[in-house]
Amino acid sequence: QVQLVESGGGLVQAGGSLRLSCQASGSIFSINTRGWYRQAPGKQRELVVTITNGGTTNYASSVKGRFTISRDNAKNTVYLQMNSLSPEDTAVYYCNAVRVSGTRRYDYWGQGTQVTVSS
């Protein structure tokens, strides 16, 4: 099992910045990919960005150039630096970890952290 704990959400004005953190514990050696997803009210959860163990990143087009994922392997933590925030970025942000075993995929999720961007 993998446990994920997020922190860093909050309220910010448009144009501002926030940094989210997600610390993993448990069977972290088995994780293949880490990432962030978000879910706005009335919408489906969507990909924000993922990063593989090899460092390959995949950003949603809506955040490319504004958001940056990074990680500190010594702390088992990934970060999401969010700049130039707009009200459209308002959502609950979820940390994600993926373990692939053979043909099976296991997703682990954090509890979510609210990000609210005021206009």
N, C-alpha and C. Protein backbone atom coordinates (compact mmCIF):
# COMPACT_ATOMS: atom_id res chain seq x y z
N GLN A 1 0.83 -1.19 0.00
CA GLN A 1 0.00 0.00 0.00
C GLN A 1 0.87 1.25 0.00
N VAL A 2 0.29 2.31 -0.53
CA VAL A 2 0.96 3.60 -0.58
C VAL A 2 0.03 4.63 0.02
N GLN A 3 0.56 5.45 0.90
CA GLN A 3 -0.21 6.54 1.49
C GLN A 3 0.35 7.86 0.98
N LEU A 4 -0.57 8.76 0.65
CA LEU A 4 -0.20 10.07 0.11
C LEU A 4 -0.84 11.16 0.95
N VAL A 5 -0.04 12.13 1.35
CA VAL A 5 -0.55 13.25 2.15
C VAL A 5 -0.18 14.54 1.45
N GLU A 6 -1.21 15.33 1.13
CA GLU A 6 -1.00 16.58 0.42
C GLU A 6 -1.04 17.75 1.39
N SER A 7 -0.42 18.83 0.96
CA SER A 7 -0.50 20.09 1.70
C SER A 7 -0.23 21.23 0.74
N GLY A 8 -0.60 22.44 1.17
CA GLY A 8 -0.24 23.62 0.40
C GLY A 8 -1.35 24.33 -0.32
N GLY A 9 -2.56 23.81 -0.27
CA GLY A 9 -3.65 24.50 -0.93
C GLY A 9 -4.03 25.77 -0.20
N GLY A 10 -4.96 26.50 -0.80
CA GLY A 10 -5.44 27.71 -0.14
C GLY A 10 -6.11 28.63 -1.12
N LEU A 11 -6.26 29.88 -0.67
CA LEU A 11 -6.90 30.93 -1.45
C LEU A 11 -5.84 31.90 -1.95
N VAL A 12 -5.90 32.21 -3.23
CA VAL A 12 -4.94 33.14 -3.82
C VAL A 12 -5.64 33.98 -4.87
N GLN A 13 -5.14 35.17 -5.08
CA GLN A 13 -5.71 36.04 -6.12
C GLN A 13 -5.19 35.63 -7.49
N ALA A 14 -5.96 35.97 -8.49
CA ALA A 14 -5.56 35.69 -9.86
C ALA A 14 -4.18 36.31 -10.13
N GLY A 15 -3.35 35.52 -10.81
CA GLY A 15 -1.99 35.95 -11.07
C GLY A 15 -0.99 35.52 -10.02
N GLY A 16 -1.50 35.00 -8.93
CA GLY A 16 -0.63 34.58 -7.84
C GLY A 16 -0.09 33.17 -8.02
N SER A 17 0.60 32.71 -6.98
CA SER A 17 1.26 31.41 -7.03
C SER A 17 0.96 30.61 -5.77
N LEU A 18 1.01 29.30 -5.92
CA LEU A 18 0.91 28.38 -4.80
C LEU A 18 1.82 27.19 -5.09
N ARG A 19 2.27 26.54 -4.03
CA ARG A 19 3.02 25.31 -4.19
C ARG A 19 2.36 24.21 -3.37
N LEU A 20 2.05 23.13 -4.03
CA LEU A 20 1.47 21.97 -3.37
C LEU A 20 2.56 20.93 -3.13
N SER A 21 2.41 20.21 -2.04
CA SER A 21 3.34 19.12 -1.71
C SER A 21 2.58 17.83 -1.51
N CYS A 22 3.22 16.73 -1.81
CA CYS A 22 2.62 15.42 -1.62
C CYS A 22 3.70 14.45 -1.17
N GLN A 23 3.58 14.03 0.07
CA GLN A 23 4.55 13.09 0.62
C GLN A 23 3.98 11.68 0.59
N ALA A 24 4.79 10.76 0.13
CA ALA A 24 4.38 9.36 0.03
C ALA A 24 5.03 8.54 1.14
N SER A 25 4.31 7.53 1.58
CA SER A 25 4.85 6.58 2.54
C SER A 25 4.30 5.21 2.22
N GLY A 26 4.88 4.19 2.83
CA GLY A 26 4.44 2.82 2.56
C GLY A 26 5.34 2.18 1.52
N SER A 27 4.73 1.47 0.60
CA SER A 27 5.48 0.72 -0.41
C SER A 27 5.89 1.61 -1.57
N ILE A 28 6.66 2.63 -1.25
CA ILE A 28 7.00 3.63 -2.26
C ILE A 28 7.95 3.09 -3.31
N PHE A 29 8.66 2.01 -2.99
CA PHE A 29 9.60 1.44 -3.95
C PHE A 29 8.87 0.92 -5.18
N SER A 30 7.59 0.65 -5.04
CA SER A 30 6.81 0.06 -6.12
C SER A 30 6.17 1.08 -7.05
N ILE A 31 6.32 2.36 -6.73
CA ILE A 31 5.66 3.40 -7.52
C ILE A 31 6.39 3.62 -8.84
N ASN A 32 5.62 3.69 -9.93
CA ASN A 32 6.18 3.95 -11.25
C ASN A 32 6.04 5.41 -11.66
N THR A 33 4.90 6.00 -11.30
CA THR A 33 4.57 7.35 -11.73
C THR A 33 3.93 8.11 -10.58
N ARG A 34 4.27 9.39 -10.47
CA ARG A 34 3.61 10.29 -9.52
C ARG A 34 2.94 11.39 -10.33
N GLY A 35 1.97 12.02 -9.73
CA GLY A 35 1.33 13.10 -10.47
C GLY A 35 0.29 13.84 -9.68
N TRP A 36 -0.33 14.79 -10.36
CA TRP A 36 -1.39 15.61 -9.80
C TRP A 36 -2.58 15.62 -10.76
N TYR A 37 -3.75 15.53 -10.17
CA TYR A 37 -5.01 15.65 -10.89
C TYR A 37 -5.84 16.71 -10.17
N ARG A 38 -6.88 17.19 -10.81
CA ARG A 38 -7.75 18.15 -10.17
C ARG A 38 -9.20 17.93 -10.59
N GLN A 39 -10.09 18.37 -9.73
CA GLN A 39 -11.51 18.24 -10.00
C GLN A 39 -12.21 19.51 -9.58
N ALA A 40 -12.77 20.19 -10.56
CA ALA A 40 -13.55 21.40 -10.30
C ALA A 40 -15.00 21.01 -10.05
N PRO A 41 -15.75 21.87 -9.38
CA PRO A 41 -17.16 21.56 -9.11
C PRO A 41 -17.94 21.26 -10.38
N GLY A 42 -18.66 20.14 -10.38
CA GLY A 42 -19.48 19.78 -11.53
C GLY A 42 -18.70 19.20 -12.69
N LYS A 43 -17.40 18.99 -12.52
CA LYS A 43 -16.60 18.47 -13.62
C LYS A 43 -15.91 17.17 -13.21
N GLN A 44 -15.44 16.46 -14.21
CA GLN A 44 -14.71 15.23 -13.94
C GLN A 44 -13.28 15.54 -13.51
N ARG A 45 -12.69 14.59 -12.80
CA ARG A 45 -11.30 14.74 -12.43
C ARG A 45 -10.45 14.70 -13.70
N GLU A 46 -9.46 15.59 -13.76
CA GLU A 46 -8.64 15.68 -14.95
C GLU A 46 -7.16 15.69 -14.58
N LEU A 47 -6.37 15.23 -15.53
CA LEU A 47 -4.93 15.24 -15.36
C LEU A 47 -4.40 16.66 -15.33
N VAL A 48 -3.47 16.90 -14.41
CA VAL A 48 -2.71 18.15 -14.41
C VAL A 48 -1.31 17.88 -14.95
N VAL A 49 -0.62 16.93 -14.29
CA VAL A 49 0.73 16.59 -14.72
C VAL A 49 1.13 15.27 -14.08
N THR A 50 1.95 14.51 -14.79
CA THR A 50 2.54 13.31 -14.23
C THR A 50 4.05 13.32 -14.47
N ILE A 51 4.75 12.56 -13.64
CA ILE A 51 6.19 12.41 -13.81
C ILE A 51 6.54 10.95 -13.53
N THR A 52 7.31 10.37 -14.44
CA THR A 52 7.71 8.98 -14.26
C THR A 52 8.98 8.88 -13.43
N ASN A 53 9.33 7.68 -13.07
CA ASN A 53 10.58 7.48 -12.33
C ASN A 53 11.78 7.95 -13.14
N GLY A 54 11.65 7.87 -14.44
CA GLY A 54 12.73 8.32 -15.31
C GLY A 54 12.76 9.82 -15.53
N GLY A 55 11.77 10.50 -15.00
CA GLY A 55 11.74 11.96 -15.10
C GLY A 55 10.93 12.51 -16.26
N THR A 56 10.28 11.64 -17.01
CA THR A 56 9.45 12.12 -18.10
C THR A 56 8.17 12.73 -17.56
N THR A 57 7.87 13.93 -18.03
CA THR A 57 6.68 14.63 -17.56
C THR A 57 5.63 14.73 -18.66
N ASN A 58 4.39 14.84 -18.22
CA ASN A 58 3.27 15.00 -19.14
C ASN A 58 2.34 16.03 -18.54
N TYR A 59 2.29 17.21 -19.13
CA TYR A 59 1.47 18.30 -18.63
C TYR A 59 0.20 18.44 -19.45
N ALA A 60 -0.88 18.78 -18.78
CA ALA A 60 -2.08 19.18 -19.49
C ALA A 60 -1.79 20.48 -20.22
N SER A 61 -2.39 20.63 -21.39
CA SER A 61 -2.11 21.83 -22.19
C SER A 61 -2.53 23.10 -21.46
N SER A 62 -3.54 22.99 -20.60
CA SER A 62 -4.06 24.17 -19.91
C SER A 62 -3.10 24.70 -18.85
N VAL A 63 -2.13 23.90 -18.42
CA VAL A 63 -1.23 24.34 -17.37
C VAL A 63 0.22 24.45 -17.85
N LYS A 64 0.48 23.99 -19.04
CA LYS A 64 1.84 23.98 -19.57
C LYS A 64 2.40 25.40 -19.59
N GLY A 65 3.60 25.55 -19.07
CA GLY A 65 4.22 26.86 -19.01
C GLY A 65 3.91 27.64 -17.75
N ARG A 66 2.91 27.18 -16.99
CA ARG A 66 2.55 27.87 -15.74
C ARG A 66 2.82 27.00 -14.52
N PHE A 67 2.62 25.71 -14.66
CA PHE A 67 2.81 24.77 -13.56
C PHE A 67 4.08 23.95 -13.79
N THR A 68 4.73 23.60 -12.68
CA THR A 68 5.94 22.78 -12.76
C THR A 68 5.91 21.71 -11.69
N ILE A 69 6.12 20.48 -12.09
CA ILE A 69 6.22 19.38 -11.13
C ILE A 69 7.70 19.13 -10.84
N SER A 70 7.99 18.84 -9.59
CA SER A 70 9.35 18.49 -9.20
C SER A 70 9.26 17.46 -8.06
N ARG A 71 10.40 16.91 -7.71
CA ARG A 71 10.36 15.89 -6.66
C ARG A 71 11.66 15.91 -5.87
N ASP A 72 11.52 15.49 -4.64
CA ASP A 72 12.66 15.30 -3.74
C ASP A 72 12.62 13.84 -3.32
N ASN A 73 13.45 13.03 -3.94
CA ASN A 73 13.40 11.59 -3.68
C ASN A 73 13.78 11.27 -2.24
N ALA A 74 14.64 12.06 -1.67
CA ALA A 74 15.06 11.81 -0.29
C ALA A 74 13.89 11.98 0.68
N LYS A 75 12.95 12.83 0.32
CA LYS A 75 11.78 13.08 1.17
C LYS A 75 10.54 12.36 0.65
N ASN A 76 10.69 11.60 -0.43
CA ASN A 76 9.53 10.91 -1.02
C ASN A 76 8.39 11.88 -1.32
N THR A 77 8.76 13.05 -1.77
CA THR A 77 7.79 14.12 -1.94
C THR A 77 7.84 14.67 -3.36
N VAL A 78 6.67 14.93 -3.91
CA VAL A 78 6.58 15.66 -5.16
C VAL A 78 5.90 16.99 -4.89
N TYR A 79 6.26 17.96 -5.70
CA TYR A 79 5.75 19.31 -5.55
C TYR A 79 5.07 19.75 -6.85
N LEU A 80 4.11 20.64 -6.70
CA LEU A 80 3.49 21.26 -7.86
C LEU A 80 3.55 22.77 -7.65
N GLN A 81 4.43 23.40 -8.39
CA GLN A 81 4.54 24.86 -8.35
C GLN A 81 3.56 25.43 -9.37
N MET A 82 2.63 26.24 -8.90
CA MET A 82 1.60 26.80 -9.76
C MET A 82 1.75 28.30 -9.81
N ASN A 83 2.03 28.82 -10.98
CA ASN A 83 2.20 30.25 -11.19
C ASN A 83 1.12 30.79 -12.12
N SER A 84 0.96 32.07 -12.13
CA SER A 84 -0.02 32.74 -13.00
C SER A 84 -1.39 32.08 -12.89
N LEU A 85 -1.81 31.87 -11.67
CA LEU A 85 -3.08 31.19 -11.44
C LEU A 85 -4.26 32.03 -11.90
N SER A 86 -5.27 31.34 -12.40
CA SER A 86 -6.50 32.00 -12.84
C SER A 86 -7.68 31.32 -12.15
N PRO A 87 -8.84 31.98 -12.14
CA PRO A 87 -10.02 31.36 -11.51
C PRO A 87 -10.35 29.99 -12.10
N GLU A 88 -9.97 29.76 -13.34
CA GLU A 88 -10.23 28.45 -13.97
C GLU A 88 -9.40 27.33 -13.34
N ASP A 89 -8.41 27.69 -12.56
CA ASP A 89 -7.59 26.68 -11.87
C ASP A 89 -8.20 26.26 -10.54
N THR A 90 -9.29 26.91 -10.14
CA THR A 90 -9.95 26.55 -8.90
C THR A 90 -10.46 25.12 -8.95
N ALA A 91 -10.05 24.32 -7.98
CA ALA A 91 -10.41 22.90 -7.97
C ALA A 91 -9.85 22.26 -6.71
N VAL A 92 -10.27 21.03 -6.47
CA VAL A 92 -9.59 20.21 -5.48
C VAL A 92 -8.48 19.47 -6.22
N TYR A 93 -7.27 19.60 -5.71
CA TYR A 93 -6.12 18.97 -6.34
C TYR A 93 -5.77 17.69 -5.59
N TYR A 94 -5.59 16.62 -6.35
CA TYR A 94 -5.32 15.31 -5.79
C TYR A 94 -3.94 14.82 -6.23
N CYS A 95 -3.20 14.36 -5.26
CA CYS A 95 -1.93 13.70 -5.54
C CYS A 95 -2.21 12.27 -5.94
N ASN A 96 -1.42 11.77 -6.86
CA ASN A 96 -1.63 10.42 -7.38
C ASN A 96 -0.30 9.68 -7.47
N ALA A 97 -0.37 8.39 -7.21
CA ALA A 97 0.78 7.51 -7.42
C ALA A 97 0.29 6.25 -8.12
N VAL A 98 1.07 5.78 -9.05
CA VAL A 98 0.67 4.63 -9.85
C VAL A 98 1.71 3.53 -9.69
N ARG A 99 1.19 2.33 -9.47
CA ARG A 99 2.04 1.15 -9.45
C ARG A 99 1.55 0.21 -10.55
N VAL A 100 2.47 -0.20 -11.38
CA VAL A 100 2.13 -1.13 -12.46
C VAL A 100 2.80 -2.46 -12.14
N SER A 101 1.98 -3.50 -12.13
CA SER A 101 2.48 -4.84 -11.87
C SER A 101 1.98 -5.75 -12.97
N GLY A 102 2.86 -6.11 -13.88
CA GLY A 102 2.42 -6.89 -15.03
C GLY A 102 1.48 -6.07 -15.88
N THR A 103 0.28 -6.55 -16.04
CA THR A 103 -0.73 -5.83 -16.83
C THR A 103 -1.71 -5.06 -15.95
N ARG A 104 -1.46 -5.08 -14.66
CA ARG A 104 -2.40 -4.43 -13.75
C ARG A 104 -1.85 -3.09 -13.28
N ARG A 105 -2.77 -2.14 -13.14
CA ARG A 105 -2.43 -0.80 -12.70
C ARG A 105 -3.15 -0.53 -11.40
N TYR A 106 -2.41 0.01 -10.45
CA TYR A 106 -2.97 0.36 -9.15
C TYR A 106 -2.77 1.85 -8.95
N ASP A 107 -3.85 2.57 -8.70
CA ASP A 107 -3.80 4.00 -8.43
C ASP A 107 -4.02 4.26 -6.95
N TYR A 108 -3.20 5.15 -6.42
CA TYR A 108 -3.34 5.59 -5.03
C TYR A 108 -3.57 7.10 -5.05
N TRP A 109 -4.42 7.56 -4.13
CA TRP A 109 -4.82 8.96 -4.13
C TRP A 109 -4.65 9.58 -2.75
N GLY A 110 -4.29 10.86 -2.77
CA GLY A 110 -4.31 11.62 -1.54
C GLY A 110 -5.72 12.08 -1.23
N GLN A 111 -5.87 12.77 -0.13
CA GLN A 111 -7.19 13.20 0.32
C GLN A 111 -7.69 14.42 -0.42
N GLY A 112 -6.82 15.09 -1.14
CA GLY A 112 -7.20 16.28 -1.88
C GLY A 112 -6.96 17.54 -1.09
N THR A 113 -6.59 18.59 -1.80
CA THR A 113 -6.40 19.90 -1.17
C THR A 113 -7.05 20.96 -2.06
N GLN A 114 -7.78 21.84 -1.42
CA GLN A 114 -8.56 22.85 -2.17
C GLN A 114 -7.66 24.00 -2.59
N VAL A 115 -7.77 24.36 -3.86
CA VAL A 115 -7.12 25.55 -4.39
C VAL A 115 -8.22 26.46 -4.93
N THR A 116 -8.29 27.66 -4.42
CA THR A 116 -9.29 28.62 -4.85
C THR A 116 -8.58 29.87 -5.33
N VAL A 117 -8.90 30.27 -6.57
CA VAL A 117 -8.29 31.46 -7.16
C VAL A 117 -9.39 32.49 -7.36
N SER A 118 -9.23 33.62 -6.72
CA SER A 118 -10.22 34.68 -6.82
C SER A 118 -9.85 35.65 -7.93
N SER A 119 -10.89 36.21 -8.55
CA SER A 119 -10.65 37.15 -9.66
C SER A 119 -10.49 38.57 -9.17
